[in-house]
Amino acid sequence: MAFPENLQFIRAQAGITQEQLAEQLDVSRQSVSKWEGGQSFPEMDTLLRICDLYSVNLDTLLRGSVEESRVEDTARYDRFMTRFAKKIAFATGGIIAGVGLCGLLEARGVSEMLSGAFLLLVIAVCVVVIVASSIQHDIFCKRYPVIADFYTQEQKDAFHQKFVWYISGGVGAILFAVALLLLFFFVFPEQEPYESYGIALLLLIVAGAVTCFIYAGINDDKYNIAKYNRDNNPTPEARQRLNLIGTIQAAMMLLATAVYVGLGLTRNLWGTAWWIFAVAGILCGVVAVILNPYKGSD
């Protein structure tokens, strides 16, 4: 595929007219028409601007096939986003599961200091996975800021059927865990070590439900290509708001970790102060909703 065909494909995929492309490149519509007809060729500065605007490699634009490269990009996008969803979901659920396992260790007679150290180790591993995955996600988005909407309606509908079961299944699991906890205390006395066993079981089930929620949510976003392209090409105002959200959320989680460690070291509350992370997570969600620059547009 030569340059004229590549330019036509890029313009068609962007959904713009020759006149609109000409305005973006500060040239006349006739120039764009001649380029697409193979009658003339743009200057190097214009070629580089096309590459920047539409995230295409110069060599691919001139001698390769932009359409084939975009197909390769979309296949990589699907694989990457699926792995990203699994890492974030299991790492987040792992933190909650770690709290439950910490309670089990204490119920088995392990000291609070040792069980707290175990919990911090689990949190550290999960946080490293979350941070590393988030950095990889940012790098991927910068490398591929624009993705063609290659998912068919049938694929989207098939996932949305699964999405319903992920969410309803997670809610059902939490309700089941609460009912199971009530039955547990109906059979066993509400005292140690049974209390720790019951709460640990509840947290392990909640961890599985949260994993389902996050995995389903990220995958739901994966199919929203328009949102992906919008988020990676934000307006200056939206970019400023998104950076503010990220800064506030990072500060909240760092503060929660500092408070948890402080309470653990000063008051030996390693096994009971875990709720701080839950509160911080909820507040992060509230911040994202309140400051969302695209509120009401989805």
C-alpha atoms as a PDB file:
ATOM      1  CA  MET A   1       0.000   0.000   0.000  1.00  0.00           C
ATOM      2  CA  ALA A   2       1.520   3.349  -1.085  1.00  0.00           C
ATOM      3  CA  PHE A   3       1.229   6.768   0.519  1.00  0.00           C
ATOM      4  CA  PRO A   4      -1.987   7.845  -1.281  1.00  0.00           C
ATOM      5  CA  GLU A   5      -3.851   4.732  -0.130  1.00  0.00           C
ATOM      6  CA  ASN A   6      -2.439   5.075   3.390  1.00  0.00           C
ATOM      7  CA  LEU A   7      -3.571   8.697   3.584  1.00  0.00           C
ATOM      8  CA  GLN A   8      -7.062   7.780   2.397  1.00  0.00           C
ATOM      9  CA  PHE A   9      -7.243   5.010   4.996  1.00  0.00           C
ATOM     10  CA  ILE A  10      -6.090   7.304   7.810  1.00  0.00           C
ATOM     11  CA  ARG A  11      -8.618   9.974   6.863  1.00  0.00           C
ATOM     12  CA  ALA A  12     -11.458   7.466   6.519  1.00  0.00           C
ATOM     13  CA  GLN A  13     -10.645   5.870   9.866  1.00  0.00           C
ATOM     14  CA  ALA A  14     -10.588   9.284  11.538  1.00  0.00           C
ATOM     15  CA  GLY A  15     -13.962  10.066   9.950  1.00  0.00           C
ATOM     16  CA  ILE A  16     -12.908  13.439   8.534  1.00  0.00           C
ATOM     17  CA  THR A  17     -13.200  15.054   5.130  1.00  0.00           C
ATOM     18  CA  GLN A  18     -10.374  16.222   2.893  1.00  0.00           C
ATOM     19  CA  GLU A  19     -11.176  19.778   3.911  1.00  0.00           C
ATOM     20  CA  GLN A  20     -10.927  18.942   7.634  1.00  0.00           C
ATOM     21  CA  LEU A  21      -7.599  17.177   7.114  1.00  0.00           C
ATOM     22  CA  ALA A  22      -6.366  20.178   5.160  1.00  0.00           C
ATOM     23  CA  GLU A  23      -7.264  22.468   8.076  1.00  0.00           C
ATOM     24  CA  GLN A  24      -5.334  20.249  10.491  1.00  0.00           C
ATOM     25  CA  LEU A  25      -2.258  20.359   8.234  1.00  0.00           C
ATOM     26  CA  ASP A  26      -2.602  24.047   7.283  1.00  0.00           C
ATOM     27  CA  VAL A  27      -2.800  23.270   3.572  1.00  0.00           C
ATOM     28  CA  SER A  28      -5.486  23.583   0.906  1.00  0.00           C
ATOM     29  CA  ARG A  29      -8.104  20.955   0.224  1.00  0.00           C
ATOM     30  CA  GLN A  30      -6.760  20.679  -3.316  1.00  0.00           C
ATOM     31  CA  SER A  31      -3.366  19.659  -1.921  1.00  0.00           C
ATOM     32  CA  VAL A  32      -4.921  16.812   0.042  1.00  0.00           C
ATOM     33  CA  SER A  33      -6.879  15.737  -3.019  1.00  0.00           C
ATOM     34  CA  LYS A  34      -3.693  15.665  -5.126  1.00  0.00           C
ATOM     35  CA  TRP A  35      -1.856  13.643  -2.451  1.00  0.00           C
ATOM     36  CA  GLU A  36      -4.611  11.056  -2.335  1.00  0.00           C
ATOM     37  CA  GLY A  37      -4.699  10.916  -6.111  1.00  0.00           C
ATOM     38  CA  GLY A  38      -0.925  10.417  -6.362  1.00  0.00           C
ATOM     39  CA  GLN A  39      -0.481  13.646  -8.325  1.00  0.00           C
ATOM     40  CA  SER A  40       1.837  15.316  -5.813  1.00  0.00           C
ATOM     41  CA  PHE A  41       3.653  14.626  -2.564  1.00  0.00           C
ATOM     42  CA  PRO A  42       3.681  16.577   0.736  1.00  0.00           C
ATOM     43  CA  GLU A  43       6.784  18.120   2.218  1.00  0.00           C
ATOM     44  CA  MET A  44       8.680  16.343   4.990  1.00  0.00           C
ATOM     45  CA  ASP A  45       7.340  18.674   7.708  1.00  0.00           C
ATOM     46  CA  THR A  46       3.783  17.825   6.647  1.00  0.00           C
ATOM     47  CA  LEU A  47       4.546  14.091   6.628  1.00  0.00           C
ATOM     48  CA  LEU A  48       5.917  14.300  10.165  1.00  0.00           C
ATOM     49  CA  ARG A  49       2.824  16.210  11.258  1.00  0.00           C
ATOM     50  CA  ILE A  50       0.607  13.469   9.822  1.00  0.00           C
ATOM     51  CA  CYS A  51       2.650  10.899  11.751  1.00  0.00           C
ATOM     52  CA  ASP A  52       2.234  12.871  14.999  1.00  0.00           C
ATOM     53  CA  LEU A  53      -1.475  13.515  14.519  1.00  0.00           C
ATOM     54  CA  TYR A  54      -2.407   9.946  13.674  1.00  0.00           C
ATOM     55  CA  SER A  55       0.292   7.982  15.525  1.00  0.00           C
ATOM     56  CA  VAL A  56       1.759   6.279  12.496  1.00  0.00           C
ATOM     57  CA  ASN A  57       5.366   5.405  11.694  1.00  0.00           C
ATOM     58  CA  LEU A  58       6.893   7.409   8.830  1.00  0.00           C
ATOM     59  CA  ASP A  59       8.245   4.332   7.070  1.00  0.00           C
ATOM     60  CA  THR A  60       4.851   2.620   7.350  1.00  0.00           C
ATOM     61  CA  LEU A  61       3.115   5.736   6.029  1.00  0.00           C
ATOM     62  CA  LEU A  62       5.356   5.954   2.973  1.00  0.00           C
ATOM     63  CA  ARG A  63       6.133   2.353   2.086  1.00  0.00           C
ATOM     64  CA  GLY A  64       4.074   0.036   4.288  1.00  0.00           C
ATOM     65  CA  SER A  65       0.428  -0.554   5.066  1.00  0.00           C
ATOM     66  CA  VAL A  66      -1.134   1.529   7.816  1.00  0.00           C
ATOM     67  CA  GLU A  67      -4.190  -0.725   7.792  1.00  0.00           C
ATOM     68  CA  GLU A  68      -2.128  -3.869   8.446  1.00  0.00           C
ATOM     69  CA  SER A  69      -0.116  -2.141  11.166  1.00  0.00           C
ATOM     70  CA  ARG A  70      -3.333  -1.032  12.870  1.00  0.00           C
ATOM     71  CA  VAL A  71      -4.619  -4.633  12.789  1.00  0.00           C
ATOM     72  CA  GLU A  72      -1.411  -5.727  14.511  1.00  0.00           C
ATOM     73  CA  ASP A  73      -1.797  -2.919  17.053  1.00  0.00           C
ATOM     74  CA  THR A  74      -5.377  -3.896  17.869  1.00  0.00           C
ATOM     75  CA  ALA A  75      -4.415  -7.547  18.408  1.00  0.00           C
ATOM     76  CA  ARG A  76      -1.686  -6.391  20.782  1.00  0.00           C
ATOM     77  CA  TYR A  77      -4.196  -4.100  22.492  1.00  0.00           C
ATOM     78  CA  ASP A  78      -6.592  -6.965  23.229  1.00  0.00           C
ATOM     79  CA  ARG A  79      -3.866  -9.191  24.692  1.00  0.00           C
ATOM     80  CA  PHE A  80      -2.330  -6.403  26.751  1.00  0.00           C
ATOM     81  CA  MET A  81      -5.602  -5.130  28.225  1.00  0.00           C
ATOM     82  CA  THR A  82      -6.722  -8.655  29.153  1.00  0.00           C
ATOM     83  CA  ARG A  83      -3.447  -9.287  31.012  1.00  0.00           C
ATOM     84  CA  PHE A  84      -3.673  -5.852  32.632  1.00  0.00           C
ATOM     85  CA  ALA A  85      -7.181  -6.592  33.903  1.00  0.00           C
ATOM     86  CA  LYS A  86      -6.045  -9.881  35.440  1.00  0.00           C
ATOM     87  CA  LYS A  87      -3.020  -8.331  37.168  1.00  0.00           C
ATOM     88  CA  ILE A  88      -4.933  -5.412  38.690  1.00  0.00           C
ATOM     89  CA  ALA A  89      -7.919  -7.562  39.686  1.00  0.00           C
ATOM     90  CA  PHE A  90      -5.926 -10.329  41.361  1.00  0.00           C
ATOM     91  CA  ALA A  91      -3.504  -7.904  43.030  1.00  0.00           C
ATOM     92  CA  THR A  92      -6.369  -5.884  44.534  1.00  0.00           C
ATOM     93  CA  GLY A  93      -8.221  -9.017  45.603  1.00  0.00           C
ATOM     94  CA  GLY A  94      -4.932 -10.345  46.977  1.00  0.00           C
ATOM     95  CA  ILE A  95      -4.707  -7.461  49.450  1.00  0.00           C
ATOM     96  CA  ILE A  96      -8.148  -8.303  50.868  1.00  0.00           C
ATOM     97  CA  ALA A  97      -7.318 -12.010  50.875  1.00  0.00           C
ATOM     98  CA  GLY A  98      -4.088 -11.195  52.711  1.00  0.00           C
ATOM     99  CA  VAL A  99      -6.113  -9.532  55.472  1.00  0.00           C
ATOM    100  CA  GLY A 100      -8.250 -12.674  55.752  1.00  0.00           C
ATOM    101  CA  LEU A 101      -5.201 -14.933  55.897  1.00  0.00           C
ATOM    102  CA  CYS A 102      -3.692 -12.653  58.518  1.00  0.00           C
ATOM    103  CA  GLY A 103      -6.787 -13.266  60.676  1.00  0.00           C
ATOM    104  CA  LEU A 104      -6.427 -17.012  60.182  1.00  0.00           C
ATOM    105  CA  LEU A 105      -2.795 -16.867  61.316  1.00  0.00           C
ATOM    106  CA  GLU A 106      -3.768 -15.014  64.474  1.00  0.00           C
ATOM    107  CA  ALA A 107      -6.548 -17.536  65.125  1.00  0.00           C
ATOM    108  CA  ARG A 108      -3.952 -20.301  64.861  1.00  0.00           C
ATOM    109  CA  GLY A 109      -1.864 -18.671  67.579  1.00  0.00           C
ATOM    110  CA  VAL A 110       0.625 -16.733  65.465  1.00  0.00           C
ATOM    111  CA  SER A 111       1.718 -13.480  67.099  1.00  0.00           C
ATOM    112  CA  GLU A 112       0.230 -10.211  65.851  1.00  0.00           C
ATOM    113  CA  MET A 113       3.699  -8.963  64.952  1.00  0.00           C
ATOM    114  CA  LEU A 114       4.391 -11.962  62.714  1.00  0.00           C
ATOM    115  CA  SER A 115       0.938 -11.978  61.149  1.00  0.00           C
ATOM    116  CA  GLY A 116       1.234  -8.212  60.577  1.00  0.00           C
ATOM    117  CA  ALA A 117       4.574  -8.743  58.872  1.00  0.00           C
ATOM    118  CA  PHE A 118       2.932 -11.358  56.641  1.00  0.00           C
ATOM    119  CA  LEU A 119       0.156  -8.918  55.742  1.00  0.00           C
ATOM    120  CA  LEU A 120       2.653  -6.175  54.893  1.00  0.00           C
ATOM    121  CA  LEU A 121       4.533  -8.634  52.673  1.00  0.00           C
ATOM    122  CA  VAL A 122       1.332  -9.514  50.811  1.00  0.00           C
ATOM    123  CA  ILE A 123       0.425  -5.827  50.467  1.00  0.00           C
ATOM    124  CA  ALA A 124       3.934  -5.008  49.237  1.00  0.00           C
ATOM    125  CA  VAL A 125       3.832  -7.690  46.539  1.00  0.00           C
ATOM    126  CA  CYS A 126       0.334  -6.667  45.407  1.00  0.00           C
ATOM    127  CA  VAL A 127       1.201  -2.966  45.385  1.00  0.00           C
ATOM    128  CA  VAL A 128       4.325  -3.668  43.302  1.00  0.00           C
ATOM    129  CA  VAL A 129       2.173  -5.574  40.794  1.00  0.00           C
ATOM    130  CA  ILE A 130      -0.376  -2.741  40.683  1.00  0.00           C
ATOM    131  CA  VAL A 131       2.253  -0.005  40.283  1.00  0.00           C
ATOM    132  CA  ALA A 132       4.277  -1.930  37.681  1.00  0.00           C
ATOM    133  CA  SER A 133       1.126  -2.820  35.723  1.00  0.00           C
ATOM    134  CA  SER A 134      -0.054   0.794  35.832  1.00  0.00           C
ATOM    135  CA  ILE A 135       3.301   2.028  34.517  1.00  0.00           C
ATOM    136  CA  GLN A 136       3.188  -0.571  31.726  1.00  0.00           C
ATOM    137  CA  HIS A 137      -0.349   0.583  30.933  1.00  0.00           C
ATOM    138  CA  ASP A 138       0.764   4.216  30.691  1.00  0.00           C
ATOM    139  CA  ILE A 139       3.654   3.244  28.390  1.00  0.00           C
ATOM    140  CA  PHE A 140       1.316   1.225  26.184  1.00  0.00           C
ATOM    141  CA  CYS A 141      -1.187   4.068  25.954  1.00  0.00           C
ATOM    142  CA  LYS A 142       1.536   6.525  24.961  1.00  0.00           C
ATOM    143  CA  ARG A 143       2.835   4.138  22.317  1.00  0.00           C
ATOM    144  CA  TYR A 144      -0.636   3.366  20.965  1.00  0.00           C
ATOM    145  CA  PRO A 145      -2.752   6.456  21.720  1.00  0.00           C
ATOM    146  CA  VAL A 146      -5.266   5.668  18.983  1.00  0.00           C
ATOM    147  CA  ILE A 147      -6.820   2.249  18.372  1.00  0.00           C
ATOM    148  CA  ALA A 148      -9.292   1.373  15.656  1.00  0.00           C
ATOM    149  CA  ASP A 149     -12.594   0.019  16.961  1.00  0.00           C
ATOM    150  CA  PHE A 150     -12.048  -3.524  15.687  1.00  0.00           C
ATOM    151  CA  TYR A 151     -14.472  -5.329  18.014  1.00  0.00           C
ATOM    152  CA  THR A 152     -17.635  -6.526  16.328  1.00  0.00           C
ATOM    153  CA  GLN A 153     -21.024  -5.913  17.908  1.00  0.00           C
ATOM    154  CA  GLU A 154     -21.330  -9.659  18.451  1.00  0.00           C
ATOM    155  CA  GLN A 155     -18.100  -9.677  20.494  1.00  0.00           C
ATOM    156  CA  LYS A 156     -19.275  -6.734  22.582  1.00  0.00           C
ATOM    157  CA  ASP A 157     -22.673  -8.338  23.189  1.00  0.00           C
ATOM    158  CA  ALA A 158     -21.020 -11.635  24.176  1.00  0.00           C
ATOM    159  CA  PHE A 159     -18.848  -9.900  26.756  1.00  0.00           C
ATOM    160  CA  HIS A 160     -21.743  -7.877  28.154  1.00  0.00           C
ATOM    161  CA  GLN A 161     -23.542 -11.157  28.814  1.00  0.00           C
ATOM    162  CA  LYS A 162     -20.507 -12.297  30.828  1.00  0.00           C
ATOM    163  CA  PHE A 163     -20.272  -8.878  32.478  1.00  0.00           C
ATOM    164  CA  VAL A 164     -23.749  -9.306  33.964  1.00  0.00           C
ATOM    165  CA  TRP A 165     -22.717 -12.610  35.522  1.00  0.00           C
ATOM    166  CA  TYR A 166     -19.424 -11.214  36.836  1.00  0.00           C
ATOM    167  CA  ILE A 167     -21.214  -8.392  38.652  1.00  0.00           C
ATOM    168  CA  SER A 168     -24.266 -10.338  39.819  1.00  0.00           C
ATOM    169  CA  GLY A 169     -22.073 -13.271  40.799  1.00  0.00           C
ATOM    170  CA  GLY A 170     -19.840 -11.003  42.871  1.00  0.00           C
ATOM    171  CA  VAL A 171     -22.809  -9.413  44.630  1.00  0.00           C
ATOM    172  CA  GLY A 172     -24.281 -12.850  45.247  1.00  0.00           C
ATOM    173  CA  ALA A 173     -20.985 -14.087  46.663  1.00  0.00           C
ATOM    174  CA  ILE A 174     -20.859 -11.212  49.158  1.00  0.00           C
ATOM    175  CA  LEU A 175     -24.451 -11.813  50.269  1.00  0.00           C
ATOM    176  CA  PHE A 176     -23.695 -15.522  50.558  1.00  0.00           C
ATOM    177  CA  ALA A 177     -20.625 -14.736  52.673  1.00  0.00           C
ATOM    178  CA  VAL A 178     -22.694 -12.586  55.063  1.00  0.00           C
ATOM    179  CA  ALA A 179     -25.341 -15.311  55.379  1.00  0.00           C
ATOM    180  CA  LEU A 180     -22.619 -17.911  55.899  1.00  0.00           C
ATOM    181  CA  LEU A 181     -21.064 -15.763  58.620  1.00  0.00           C
ATOM    182  CA  LEU A 182     -24.410 -15.513  60.447  1.00  0.00           C
ATOM    183  CA  LEU A 183     -24.876 -19.281  60.217  1.00  0.00           C
ATOM    184  CA  PHE A 184     -21.315 -19.794  61.377  1.00  0.00           C
ATOM    185  CA  PHE A 185     -21.911 -17.796  64.557  1.00  0.00           C
ATOM    186  CA  PHE A 186     -25.230 -19.573  65.042  1.00  0.00           C
ATOM    187  CA  VAL A 187     -23.341 -22.876  65.254  1.00  0.00           C
ATOM    188  CA  PHE A 188     -20.145 -21.679  66.925  1.00  0.00           C
ATOM    189  CA  PRO A 189     -19.798 -19.211  69.822  1.00  0.00           C
ATOM    190  CA  GLU A 190     -18.942 -15.627  68.859  1.00  0.00           C
ATOM    191  CA  GLN A 191     -15.536 -15.707  70.505  1.00  0.00           C
ATOM    192  CA  GLU A 192     -11.952 -16.436  69.559  1.00  0.00           C
ATOM    193  CA  PRO A 193     -10.729 -18.346  67.623  1.00  0.00           C
ATOM    194  CA  TYR A 194     -14.111 -18.847  65.921  1.00  0.00           C
ATOM    195  CA  GLU A 195     -14.651 -15.116  65.410  1.00  0.00           C
ATOM    196  CA  SER A 196     -11.367 -14.825  63.514  1.00  0.00           C
ATOM    197  CA  TYR A 197     -12.215 -17.897  61.450  1.00  0.00           C
ATOM    198  CA  GLY A 198     -15.589 -16.457  60.467  1.00  0.00           C
ATOM    199  CA  ILE A 199     -14.265 -13.021  59.540  1.00  0.00           C
ATOM    200  CA  ALA A 200     -11.362 -14.559  57.628  1.00  0.00           C
ATOM    201  CA  LEU A 201     -13.781 -16.684  55.614  1.00  0.00           C
ATOM    202  CA  LEU A 202     -15.903 -13.587  54.885  1.00  0.00           C
ATOM    203  CA  LEU A 203     -12.880 -11.615  53.689  1.00  0.00           C
ATOM    204  CA  LEU A 204     -11.666 -14.425  51.432  1.00  0.00           C
ATOM    205  CA  ILE A 205     -15.048 -14.577  49.702  1.00  0.00           C
ATOM    206  CA  VAL A 206     -15.163 -10.771  49.445  1.00  0.00           C
ATOM    207  CA  ALA A 207     -11.674 -10.870  47.911  1.00  0.00           C
ATOM    208  CA  GLY A 208     -12.975 -13.163  45.182  1.00  0.00           C
ATOM    209  CA  ALA A 209     -15.966 -10.906  44.574  1.00  0.00           C
ATOM    210  CA  VAL A 210     -13.815  -7.766  44.360  1.00  0.00           C
ATOM    211  CA  THR A 211     -11.523  -9.556  41.908  1.00  0.00           C
ATOM    212  CA  CYS A 212     -14.543 -10.269  39.703  1.00  0.00           C
ATOM    213  CA  PHE A 213     -15.758  -6.666  39.925  1.00  0.00           C
ATOM    214  CA  ILE A 214     -12.410  -5.172  38.904  1.00  0.00           C
ATOM    215  CA  TYR A 215     -11.719  -7.724  36.176  1.00  0.00           C
ATOM    216  CA  ALA A 216     -15.169  -7.155  34.684  1.00  0.00           C
ATOM    217  CA  GLY A 217     -14.885  -3.359  34.942  1.00  0.00           C
ATOM    218  CA  ILE A 218     -11.497  -3.117  33.233  1.00  0.00           C
ATOM    219  CA  ASN A 219     -12.583  -5.495  30.488  1.00  0.00           C
ATOM    220  CA  ASP A 220     -15.753  -3.468  30.004  1.00  0.00           C
ATOM    221  CA  ASP A 221     -13.552  -0.422  29.417  1.00  0.00           C
ATOM    222  CA  LYS A 222     -11.424  -2.507  27.027  1.00  0.00           C
ATOM    223  CA  TYR A 223     -14.331  -2.779  24.617  1.00  0.00           C
ATOM    224  CA  ASN A 224     -14.990   0.968  24.783  1.00  0.00           C
ATOM    225  CA  ILE A 225     -12.434   1.988  22.165  1.00  0.00           C
ATOM    226  CA  ALA A 226     -13.883   5.489  21.837  1.00  0.00           C
ATOM    227  CA  LYS A 227     -13.259   6.089  25.543  1.00  0.00           C
ATOM    228  CA  TYR A 228      -9.697   4.731  25.225  1.00  0.00           C
ATOM    229  CA  ASN A 229      -8.926   7.084  22.331  1.00  0.00           C
ATOM    230  CA  ARG A 230     -10.535  10.009  24.172  1.00  0.00           C
ATOM    231  CA  ASP A 231      -8.617   9.346  27.396  1.00  0.00           C
ATOM    232  CA  ASN A 232      -5.307   9.147  25.546  1.00  0.00           C
ATOM    233  CA  ASN A 233      -5.950  12.323  23.580  1.00  0.00           C
ATOM    234  CA  PRO A 234      -7.488  14.568  26.248  1.00  0.00           C
ATOM    235  CA  THR A 235      -7.986  18.293  26.049  1.00  0.00           C
ATOM    236  CA  PRO A 236      -5.606  20.398  28.185  1.00  0.00           C
ATOM    237  CA  GLU A 237      -8.388  20.948  30.741  1.00  0.00           C
ATOM    238  CA  ALA A 238      -9.211  17.235  30.927  1.00  0.00           C
ATOM    239  CA  ARG A 239      -5.515  16.321  31.205  1.00  0.00           C
ATOM    240  CA  GLN A 240      -5.112  18.717  34.124  1.00  0.00           C
ATOM    241  CA  ARG A 241      -8.149  17.232  35.875  1.00  0.00           C
ATOM    242  CA  LEU A 242      -6.928  13.640  35.294  1.00  0.00           C
ATOM    243  CA  ASN A 243      -3.483  14.482  36.690  1.00  0.00           C
ATOM    244  CA  LEU A 244      -5.146  16.010  39.751  1.00  0.00           C
ATOM    245  CA  ILE A 245      -7.205  12.845  40.303  1.00  0.00           C
ATOM    246  CA  GLY A 246      -4.101  10.655  40.076  1.00  0.00           C
ATOM    247  CA  THR A 247      -2.162  12.862  42.509  1.00  0.00           C
ATOM    248  CA  ILE A 248      -4.956  12.901  45.102  1.00  0.00           C
ATOM    249  CA  GLN A 249      -5.488   9.131  44.863  1.00  0.00           C
ATOM    250  CA  ALA A 250      -1.765   8.421  45.214  1.00  0.00           C
ATOM    251  CA  ALA A 251      -1.561  10.728  48.245  1.00  0.00           C
ATOM    252  CA  MET A 252      -4.558   8.981  49.858  1.00  0.00           C
ATOM    253  CA  MET A 253      -3.081   5.503  49.471  1.00  0.00           C
ATOM    254  CA  LEU A 254       0.327   6.650  50.750  1.00  0.00           C
ATOM    255  CA  LEU A 255      -1.352   8.283  53.743  1.00  0.00           C
ATOM    256  CA  ALA A 256      -3.366   5.118  54.417  1.00  0.00           C
ATOM    257  CA  THR A 257      -0.196   3.015  54.347  1.00  0.00           C
ATOM    258  CA  ALA A 258       1.594   5.449  56.675  1.00  0.00           C
ATOM    259  CA  VAL A 259      -1.322   5.436  59.131  1.00  0.00           C
ATOM    260  CA  TYR A 260      -1.544   1.634  59.060  1.00  0.00           C
ATOM    261  CA  VAL A 261       2.184   1.226  59.719  1.00  0.00           C
ATOM    262  CA  GLY A 262       2.062   3.885  62.440  1.00  0.00           C
ATOM    263  CA  LEU A 263      -0.839   2.178  64.250  1.00  0.00           C
ATOM    264  CA  GLY A 264       0.892  -1.169  63.889  1.00  0.00           C
ATOM    265  CA  LEU A 265       4.174   0.031  65.348  1.00  0.00           C
ATOM    266  CA  THR A 266       2.764   2.224  68.123  1.00  0.00           C
ATOM    267  CA  ARG A 267      -0.385   0.313  69.146  1.00  0.00           C
ATOM    268  CA  ASN A 268       0.245  -3.140  67.717  1.00  0.00           C
ATOM    269  CA  LEU A 269      -2.905  -2.998  65.560  1.00  0.00           C
ATOM    270  CA  TRP A 270      -1.518  -4.913  62.588  1.00  0.00           C
ATOM    271  CA  GLY A 271      -4.464  -7.279  62.434  1.00  0.00           C
ATOM    272  CA  THR A 272      -7.303  -4.834  63.083  1.00  0.00           C
ATOM    273  CA  ALA A 273      -6.337  -1.593  61.305  1.00  0.00           C
ATOM    274  CA  TRP A 274      -6.793  -3.078  57.818  1.00  0.00           C
ATOM    275  CA  TRP A 275     -10.042  -1.113  57.407  1.00  0.00           C
ATOM    276  CA  ILE A 276      -7.925   1.972  56.668  1.00  0.00           C
ATOM    277  CA  PHE A 277      -7.185   0.633  53.181  1.00  0.00           C
ATOM    278  CA  ALA A 278     -10.876  -0.010  52.541  1.00  0.00           C
ATOM    279  CA  VAL A 279     -11.742   3.562  53.516  1.00  0.00           C
ATOM    280  CA  ALA A 280      -8.919   4.938  51.353  1.00  0.00           C
ATOM    281  CA  GLY A 281     -10.118   2.884  48.395  1.00  0.00           C
ATOM    282  CA  ILE A 282     -13.665   4.198  48.766  1.00  0.00           C
ATOM    283  CA  LEU A 283     -12.395   7.780  49.005  1.00  0.00           C
ATOM    284  CA  CYS A 284     -10.312   7.267  45.855  1.00  0.00           C
ATOM    285  CA  GLY A 285     -13.457   6.182  44.052  1.00  0.00           C
ATOM    286  CA  VAL A 286     -15.337   9.227  45.331  1.00  0.00           C
ATOM    287  CA  VAL A 287     -12.565  11.534  44.116  1.00  0.00           C
ATOM    288  CA  ALA A 288     -12.612   9.905  40.669  1.00  0.00           C
ATOM    289  CA  VAL A 289     -16.377  10.384  40.391  1.00  0.00           C
ATOM    290  CA  ILE A 290     -16.435  13.979  41.641  1.00  0.00           C
ATOM    291  CA  LEU A 291     -13.488  15.193  39.548  1.00  0.00           C
ATOM    292  CA  ASN A 292     -14.227  13.099  36.448  1.00  0.00           C
ATOM    293  CA  PRO A 293     -13.658  15.509  33.506  1.00  0.00           C
ATOM    294  CA  TYR A 294     -15.993  13.456  31.309  1.00  0.00           C
ATOM    295  CA  LYS A 295     -18.869  13.247  33.763  1.00  0.00           C
ATOM    296  CA  GLY A 296     -22.147  12.868  31.903  1.00  0.00           C
ATOM    297  CA  SER A 297     -20.540  12.327  28.502  1.00  0.00           C
ATOM    298  CA  ASP A 298     -20.355   8.504  28.575  1.00  0.00           C
END
